[in-house]
Amino acid sequence: MTGIQLLMLCFSTAASALLLISGGYKVIRNFIAAKFESAVAAKAAAKETSKTEGQ
């Protein structure tokens, strides 16, 4: 394997790894945000339910 081929192999490997990491980060971030929002909504609904039952 020549030096140019080795350089291209290393570059493509690094570029692929960075794309996978950035894409994976976005998916995980969106998943966590959705879970957080649903937990907040559930807590708000539970609070609202407890208010109406107390009256």
N, C-alpha and C. Protein backbone atom coordinates (compact mmCIF):
# COMPACT_ATOMS: atom_id res chain seq x y z
N MET A 1 0.86 -1.17 0.00
CA MET A 1 0.00 0.00 0.00
C MET A 1 0.91 1.23 0.00
N THR A 2 0.63 2.11 -0.90
CA THR A 2 1.46 3.31 -1.00
C THR A 2 1.05 4.32 0.07
N GLY A 3 1.85 5.33 0.21
CA GLY A 3 1.58 6.36 1.20
C GLY A 3 0.30 7.11 0.92
N ILE A 4 0.02 7.36 -0.36
CA ILE A 4 -1.21 8.08 -0.75
C ILE A 4 -2.43 7.23 -0.40
N GLN A 5 -2.37 5.95 -0.67
CA GLN A 5 -3.50 5.06 -0.35
C GLN A 5 -3.73 5.00 1.16
N LEU A 6 -2.64 4.94 1.90
CA LEU A 6 -2.75 4.90 3.35
C LEU A 6 -3.36 6.20 3.88
N LEU A 7 -2.95 7.31 3.32
CA LEU A 7 -3.50 8.61 3.71
C LEU A 7 -4.99 8.69 3.40
N MET A 8 -5.40 8.23 2.22
CA MET A 8 -6.82 8.24 1.85
C MET A 8 -7.63 7.31 2.76
N LEU A 9 -7.06 6.16 3.11
CA LEU A 9 -7.74 5.22 4.00
C LEU A 9 -7.95 5.84 5.38
N CYS A 10 -6.93 6.46 5.90
CA CYS A 10 -7.03 7.10 7.23
C CYS A 10 -8.03 8.25 7.20
N PHE A 11 -8.01 9.05 6.15
CA PHE A 11 -8.93 10.16 6.04
C PHE A 11 -10.37 9.69 5.95
N SER A 12 -10.63 8.68 5.13
CA SER A 12 -12.01 8.19 4.99
C SER A 12 -12.50 7.54 6.27
N THR A 13 -11.60 6.86 6.99
CA THR A 13 -11.99 6.26 8.26
C THR A 13 -12.34 7.33 9.28
N ALA A 14 -11.53 8.37 9.36
CA ALA A 14 -11.79 9.45 10.30
C ALA A 14 -13.08 10.19 9.93
N ALA A 15 -13.29 10.44 8.65
CA ALA A 15 -14.50 11.14 8.22
C ALA A 15 -15.75 10.31 8.53
N SER A 16 -15.69 9.01 8.29
CA SER A 16 -16.83 8.14 8.58
C SER A 16 -17.12 8.11 10.08
N ALA A 17 -16.08 8.02 10.89
CA ALA A 17 -16.26 8.00 12.34
C ALA A 17 -16.90 9.30 12.82
N LEU A 18 -16.45 10.42 12.30
CA LEU A 18 -17.02 11.70 12.71
C LEU A 18 -18.49 11.82 12.29
N LEU A 19 -18.82 11.34 11.11
CA LEU A 19 -20.21 11.38 10.68
C LEU A 19 -21.10 10.51 11.56
N LEU A 20 -20.61 9.32 11.92
CA LEU A 20 -21.37 8.44 12.80
C LEU A 20 -21.56 9.06 14.18
N ILE A 21 -20.51 9.66 14.70
CA ILE A 21 -20.59 10.27 16.02
C ILE A 21 -21.56 11.45 16.01
N SER A 22 -21.46 12.31 15.02
CA SER A 22 -22.34 13.49 14.99
C SER A 22 -23.79 13.08 14.77
N GLY A 23 -24.04 12.11 13.92
CA GLY A 23 -25.40 11.64 13.70
C GLY A 23 -25.96 10.94 14.92
N GLY A 24 -25.15 10.14 15.57
CA GLY A 24 -25.57 9.44 16.78
C GLY A 24 -25.85 10.42 17.90
N TYR A 25 -25.06 11.46 18.00
CA TYR A 25 -25.27 12.47 19.04
C TYR A 25 -26.61 13.15 18.86
N LYS A 26 -26.97 13.47 17.63
CA LYS A 26 -28.24 14.15 17.37
C LYS A 26 -29.42 13.26 17.74
N VAL A 27 -29.33 11.98 17.41
CA VAL A 27 -30.41 11.05 17.71
C VAL A 27 -30.57 10.90 19.22
N ILE A 28 -29.46 10.73 19.93
CA ILE A 28 -29.51 10.57 21.38
C ILE A 28 -30.03 11.85 22.03
N ARG A 29 -29.57 13.00 21.57
CA ARG A 29 -30.01 14.28 22.13
C ARG A 29 -31.52 14.45 21.94
N ASN A 30 -32.03 14.14 20.76
CA ASN A 30 -33.47 14.26 20.50
C ASN A 30 -34.28 13.29 21.35
N PHE A 31 -33.75 12.07 21.55
CA PHE A 31 -34.42 11.07 22.37
C PHE A 31 -34.53 11.54 23.82
N ILE A 32 -33.43 12.06 24.35
CA ILE A 32 -33.43 12.54 25.74
C ILE A 32 -34.36 13.74 25.89
N ALA A 33 -34.35 14.64 24.92
CA ALA A 33 -35.23 15.81 24.98
C ALA A 33 -36.70 15.39 24.96
N ALA A 34 -37.04 14.41 24.14
CA ALA A 34 -38.42 13.94 24.07
C ALA A 34 -38.84 13.29 25.38
N LYS A 35 -37.95 12.49 25.97
CA LYS A 35 -38.26 11.86 27.26
C LYS A 35 -38.46 12.92 28.34
N PHE A 36 -37.60 13.93 28.35
CA PHE A 36 -37.70 15.00 29.34
C PHE A 36 -39.02 15.74 29.20
N GLU A 37 -39.39 16.08 27.97
CA GLU A 37 -40.64 16.80 27.73
C GLU A 37 -41.86 15.98 28.14
N SER A 38 -41.83 14.67 27.86
CA SER A 38 -42.96 13.83 28.24
C SER A 38 -43.04 13.70 29.76
N ALA A 39 -41.90 13.65 30.44
CA ALA A 39 -41.90 13.58 31.90
C ALA A 39 -42.45 14.86 32.50
N VAL A 40 -42.07 15.99 31.94
CA VAL A 40 -42.58 17.28 32.43
C VAL A 40 -44.09 17.36 32.21
N ALA A 41 -44.55 16.92 31.04
CA ALA A 41 -45.98 16.95 30.76
C ALA A 41 -46.75 16.02 31.69
N ALA A 42 -46.20 14.86 31.98
CA ALA A 42 -46.86 13.92 32.89
C ALA A 42 -46.92 14.50 34.29
N LYS A 43 -45.85 15.13 34.71
CA LYS A 43 -45.83 15.73 36.05
C LYS A 43 -46.84 16.87 36.15
N ALA A 44 -46.94 17.68 35.10
CA ALA A 44 -47.90 18.77 35.08
C ALA A 44 -49.33 18.23 35.10
N ALA A 45 -49.56 17.16 34.36
CA ALA A 45 -50.90 16.56 34.34
C ALA A 45 -51.25 15.98 35.71
N ALA A 46 -50.30 15.36 36.36
CA ALA A 46 -50.54 14.80 37.69
C ALA A 46 -50.82 15.91 38.69
N LYS A 47 -50.11 16.99 38.56
CA LYS A 47 -50.33 18.13 39.47
C LYS A 47 -51.71 18.72 39.25
N GLU A 48 -52.10 18.84 37.98
CA GLU A 48 -53.43 19.39 37.66
C GLU A 48 -54.52 18.46 38.18
N THR A 49 -54.32 17.16 38.08
CA THR A 49 -55.31 16.18 38.56
C THR A 49 -55.45 16.27 40.08
N SER A 50 -54.33 16.42 40.77
CA SER A 50 -54.40 16.50 42.22
C SER A 50 -55.08 17.79 42.67
N LYS A 51 -54.95 18.85 41.90
CA LYS A 51 -55.62 20.11 42.23
C LYS A 51 -57.14 19.97 42.12
N THR A 52 -57.59 19.31 41.04
CA THR A 52 -59.04 19.18 40.83
C THR A 52 -59.66 18.19 41.81
N GLU A 53 -58.90 17.19 42.25
CA GLU A 53 -59.45 16.22 43.21
C GLU A 53 -59.58 16.84 44.60
N GLY A 54 -58.73 17.81 44.92
CA GLY A 54 -58.76 18.43 46.22
C GLY A 54 -59.91 19.39 46.41
N GLN A 55 -60.55 19.81 45.36
CA GLN A 55 -61.62 20.82 45.47
C GLN A 55 -62.96 20.22 45.71
